Amino acid sequence: MEEVISKRVREMMEDVTLKLVPEVTQTIIDLTLDRIEKIVREVVPDIAEKAIQEEIKRLQKGEKD
């Protein structure tokens, strides 16, 4: 009897694991991508602005690549 219960519990845990792991993984991926996109939206414009300003200054000085 104990062996039957143990086997069934193991099967149930496998079923739960097979169902939940992909869902949890996808949730983590979605949250990570959302956070990365937010950071990029906050950081990239500042970096781009600085790079453009430096390029304008370089061009105004008549420097070449």
C-alpha atoms as a PDB file:
ATOM      1  CA  MET A   1       0.000   0.000   0.000  1.00  0.00           C
ATOM      2  CA  GLU A   2       2.789   2.419   0.931  1.00  0.00           C
ATOM      3  CA  GLU A   3       4.530   1.680  -2.360  1.00  0.00           C
ATOM      4  CA  VAL A   4       1.353   2.421  -4.333  1.00  0.00           C
ATOM      5  CA  ILE A   5       0.861   5.715  -2.498  1.00  0.00           C
ATOM      6  CA  SER A   6       4.499   6.632  -2.968  1.00  0.00           C
ATOM      7  CA  LYS A   7       4.300   5.876  -6.689  1.00  0.00           C
ATOM      8  CA  ARG A   8       1.138   7.918  -7.120  1.00  0.00           C
ATOM      9  CA  VAL A   9       2.585  10.867  -5.188  1.00  0.00           C
ATOM     10  CA  ARG A  10       5.698  10.713  -7.367  1.00  0.00           C
ATOM     11  CA  GLU A  11       3.537  10.692 -10.513  1.00  0.00           C
ATOM     12  CA  MET A  12       1.509  13.627  -9.248  1.00  0.00           C
ATOM     13  CA  MET A  13       4.680  15.588  -8.473  1.00  0.00           C
ATOM     14  CA  GLU A  14       6.018  14.857 -11.946  1.00  0.00           C
ATOM     15  CA  ASP A  15       2.762  16.062 -13.490  1.00  0.00           C
ATOM     16  CA  VAL A  16       2.808  19.242 -11.424  1.00  0.00           C
ATOM     17  CA  THR A  17       6.458  19.837 -12.209  1.00  0.00           C
ATOM     18  CA  LEU A  18       5.968  19.291 -15.932  1.00  0.00           C
ATOM     19  CA  LYS A  19       3.065  21.738 -15.917  1.00  0.00           C
ATOM     20  CA  LEU A  20       4.448  24.416 -13.624  1.00  0.00           C
ATOM     21  CA  VAL A  21       8.089  24.623 -14.659  1.00  0.00           C
ATOM     22  CA  PRO A  22       7.341  25.874 -18.195  1.00  0.00           C
ATOM     23  CA  GLU A  23       4.773  28.358 -16.864  1.00  0.00           C
ATOM     24  CA  VAL A  24       7.129  29.676 -14.187  1.00  0.00           C
ATOM     25  CA  THR A  25       9.959  29.848 -16.696  1.00  0.00           C
ATOM     26  CA  GLN A  26       7.834  31.825 -19.151  1.00  0.00           C
ATOM     27  CA  THR A  27       6.723  34.190 -16.389  1.00  0.00           C
ATOM     28  CA  ILE A  28      10.332  34.815 -15.392  1.00  0.00           C
ATOM     29  CA  ILE A  29      11.293  35.433 -19.024  1.00  0.00           C
ATOM     30  CA  ASP A  30       8.389  37.853 -19.520  1.00  0.00           C
ATOM     31  CA  LEU A  31       9.200  39.794 -16.357  1.00  0.00           C
ATOM     32  CA  THR A  32      12.879  39.920 -17.260  1.00  0.00           C
ATOM     33  CA  LEU A  33      12.155  41.193 -20.765  1.00  0.00           C
ATOM     34  CA  ASP A  34       9.790  43.845 -19.405  1.00  0.00           C
ATOM     35  CA  ARG A  35      12.456  45.046 -16.986  1.00  0.00           C
ATOM     36  CA  ILE A  36      15.164  45.079 -19.666  1.00  0.00           C
ATOM     37  CA  GLU A  37      12.917  47.077 -22.000  1.00  0.00           C
ATOM     38  CA  LYS A  38      12.213  49.598 -19.242  1.00  0.00           C
ATOM     39  CA  ILE A  39      15.908  49.998 -18.486  1.00  0.00           C
ATOM     40  CA  VAL A  40      16.723  50.391 -22.179  1.00  0.00           C
ATOM     41  CA  ARG A  41      14.026  53.056 -22.566  1.00  0.00           C
ATOM     42  CA  GLU A  42      15.522  54.931 -19.600  1.00  0.00           C
ATOM     43  CA  VAL A  43      19.218  54.576 -20.457  1.00  0.00           C
ATOM     44  CA  VAL A  44      19.560  54.549 -24.249  1.00  0.00           C
ATOM     45  CA  PRO A  45      18.179  58.053 -24.906  1.00  0.00           C
ATOM     46  CA  ASP A  46      20.736  59.573 -22.500  1.00  0.00           C
ATOM     47  CA  ILE A  47      23.596  57.613 -24.052  1.00  0.00           C
ATOM     48  CA  ALA A  48      22.432  58.498 -27.567  1.00  0.00           C
ATOM     49  CA  GLU A  49      22.122  62.178 -26.657  1.00  0.00           C
ATOM     50  CA  LYS A  50      25.662  62.258 -25.270  1.00  0.00           C
ATOM     51  CA  ALA A  51      27.037  60.452 -28.323  1.00  0.00           C
ATOM     52  CA  ILE A  52      25.256  62.863 -30.672  1.00  0.00           C
ATOM     53  CA  GLN A  53      26.510  65.890 -28.750  1.00  0.00           C
ATOM     54  CA  GLU A  54      30.075  64.570 -28.860  1.00  0.00           C
ATOM     55  CA  GLU A  55      29.783  63.923 -32.600  1.00  0.00           C
ATOM     56  CA  ILE A  56      28.430  67.434 -33.188  1.00  0.00           C
ATOM     57  CA  LYS A  57      31.351  68.931 -31.230  1.00  0.00           C
ATOM     58  CA  ARG A  58      33.817  66.783 -33.160  1.00  0.00           C
ATOM     59  CA  LEU A  59      32.298  67.840 -36.487  1.00  0.00           C
ATOM     60  CA  GLN A  60      32.277  71.501 -35.451  1.00  0.00           C
ATOM     61  CA  LYS A  61      35.989  71.264 -34.715  1.00  0.00           C
ATOM     62  CA  GLY A  62      36.513  69.801 -38.184  1.00  0.00           C
ATOM     63  CA  GLU A  63      37.903  66.523 -36.909  1.00  0.00           C
ATOM     64  CA  LYS A  64      37.767  63.429 -39.040  1.00  0.00           C
ATOM     65  CA  ASP A  65      37.173  59.833 -37.986  1.00  0.00           C
END
